[in-house]
Amino acid sequence: MTSDGSAVSIVNSRGERLDNDAARAELANRLGFDPPLDSLRYWIQGVPEPGHPAQETLDAQQRLAALQQDGWQIQYTDYMSVRGEWLPSKLTLQRQGVRLRVVVDGWNS
């Protein structure tokens, strides 16, 4: 899966490339829920999506520890240092019986 914030594309197990609406529909069908792709690009960087109300909880290092936005609860459980900045490496998203764990192995520029 790749996304630039406005467009989404995936390559499925059959090697077919699906773009935008077809990619979103395939993900929702496979996962059993509609993933928050637009917001996820912000949340995975440890910031709330701009323009959407959010409740933030910071840790002792002033990093995001928890976030509530658009009906999702996000818990940040680990960070890694990347070129002198702390970026999330483990987070859990929860909403209406859905729980999604994200683990970032590494950050590229």
Protein backbone atom coordinates (compact mmCIF):
# COMPACT_ATOMS: atom_id res chain seq x y z
CA MET A 1 0.00 0.00 0.00
CA THR A 2 1.18 3.51 -0.81
CA SER A 3 -0.43 6.86 -0.20
CA ASP A 4 0.58 10.46 -0.75
CA GLY A 5 -2.24 11.84 1.37
CA SER A 6 -4.76 12.24 -1.43
CA ALA A 7 -4.28 9.12 -3.55
CA VAL A 8 -4.09 5.51 -2.36
CA SER A 9 -2.89 2.48 -4.29
CA ILE A 10 -2.40 -1.13 -3.32
CA VAL A 11 -1.07 -4.21 -5.04
CA ASN A 12 -3.09 -7.24 -4.00
CA SER A 13 -1.92 -10.84 -3.64
CA ARG A 14 -2.69 -11.48 -7.33
CA GLY A 15 -0.34 -8.65 -8.37
CA GLU A 16 -3.21 -6.39 -9.44
CA ARG A 17 -2.78 -2.68 -8.79
CA LEU A 18 -5.85 -0.94 -7.41
CA ASP A 19 -6.10 2.83 -7.09
CA ASN A 20 -8.13 5.23 -4.96
CA ASP A 21 -11.76 4.10 -4.56
CA ALA A 22 -11.02 0.53 -5.68
CA ALA A 23 -8.06 0.36 -3.27
CA ARG A 24 -10.13 1.71 -0.37
CA ALA A 25 -12.95 -0.76 -1.12
CA GLU A 26 -10.49 -3.69 -1.29
CA LEU A 27 -8.94 -2.72 2.05
CA ALA A 28 -12.34 -2.33 3.72
CA ASN A 29 -13.46 -5.69 2.32
CA ARG A 30 -10.30 -7.51 3.46
CA LEU A 31 -10.09 -5.86 6.88
CA GLY A 32 -13.81 -5.91 7.69
CA PHE A 33 -13.86 -2.18 8.48
CA ASP A 34 -13.13 1.10 6.73
CA PRO A 35 -9.57 2.05 7.78
CA PRO A 36 -8.94 5.74 8.57
CA LEU A 37 -6.37 6.16 5.80
CA ASP A 38 -6.53 9.96 5.57
CA SER A 39 -6.02 10.38 9.32
CA LEU A 40 -3.54 7.52 9.65
CA ARG A 41 -0.84 9.41 7.75
CA TYR A 42 -0.87 12.02 10.53
CA TRP A 43 -1.42 9.69 13.47
CA ILE A 44 1.51 7.49 12.49
CA GLN A 45 3.73 10.60 12.65
CA GLY A 46 2.48 11.34 16.17
CA VAL A 47 0.27 14.33 15.37
CA PRO A 48 -3.51 14.81 15.10
CA GLU A 49 -5.07 15.34 11.68
CA PRO A 50 -5.29 19.12 11.09
CA GLY A 51 -8.76 20.64 11.01
CA HIS A 52 -10.37 17.89 13.10
CA PRO A 53 -11.12 18.32 16.81
CA ALA A 54 -8.83 16.17 18.96
CA GLN A 55 -8.03 15.43 22.58
CA GLU A 56 -4.32 14.94 23.19
CA THR A 57 -2.41 13.50 26.15
CA LEU A 58 1.36 14.07 26.28
CA ASP A 59 4.02 11.97 27.99
CA ALA A 60 6.83 13.28 30.22
CA GLN A 61 8.94 14.06 27.11
CA GLN A 62 6.04 16.10 25.62
CA ARG A 63 5.38 13.46 22.96
CA LEU A 64 1.90 12.26 22.11
CA ALA A 65 0.92 9.43 24.49
CA ALA A 66 -2.77 9.24 23.58
CA LEU A 67 -5.08 10.84 21.05
CA GLN A 68 -8.84 10.81 20.54
CA GLN A 69 -9.98 11.97 17.12
CA ASP A 70 -12.89 11.18 14.79
CA GLY A 71 -14.14 8.40 17.09
CA TRP A 72 -10.75 6.68 17.25
CA GLN A 73 -8.61 6.23 20.37
CA ILE A 74 -4.90 6.02 19.62
CA GLN A 75 -2.33 4.92 22.20
CA TYR A 76 1.36 5.59 21.52
CA THR A 77 3.43 2.99 23.36
CA ASP A 78 6.92 3.47 21.91
CA TYR A 79 9.02 5.97 19.97
CA MET A 80 12.33 5.79 18.11
CA SER A 81 14.92 8.47 17.46
CA VAL A 82 15.13 9.44 13.79
CA ARG A 83 17.71 12.07 12.84
CA GLY A 84 17.38 13.72 16.24
CA GLU A 85 13.56 13.63 16.36
CA TRP A 86 11.30 11.16 18.15
CA LEU A 87 8.78 9.40 15.89
CA PRO A 88 6.25 6.73 16.91
CA SER A 89 7.29 3.12 16.50
CA LYS A 90 4.28 1.42 18.16
CA LEU A 91 0.68 2.60 18.32
CA THR A 92 -2.71 1.02 18.79
CA LEU A 93 -5.91 2.36 17.23
CA GLN A 94 -9.32 1.39 18.63
CA ARG A 95 -12.88 2.16 17.57
CA GLN A 96 -16.18 0.29 17.88
CA GLY A 97 -14.76 -3.19 18.43
CA VAL A 98 -11.87 -2.71 15.99
CA ARG A 99 -8.32 -2.81 17.28
CA LEU A 100 -5.40 -2.15 14.96
CA ARG A 101 -1.75 -2.34 16.07
CA VAL A 102 0.86 -0.54 14.01
CA VAL A 103 4.57 -1.28 14.34
CA VAL A 104 7.06 0.87 12.44
CA ASP A 105 10.32 -0.95 11.77
CA GLY A 106 12.11 2.12 10.42
CA TRP A 107 11.60 5.59 9.02
CA ASN A 108 12.90 6.71 5.60
CA SER A 109 12.98 10.23 4.28
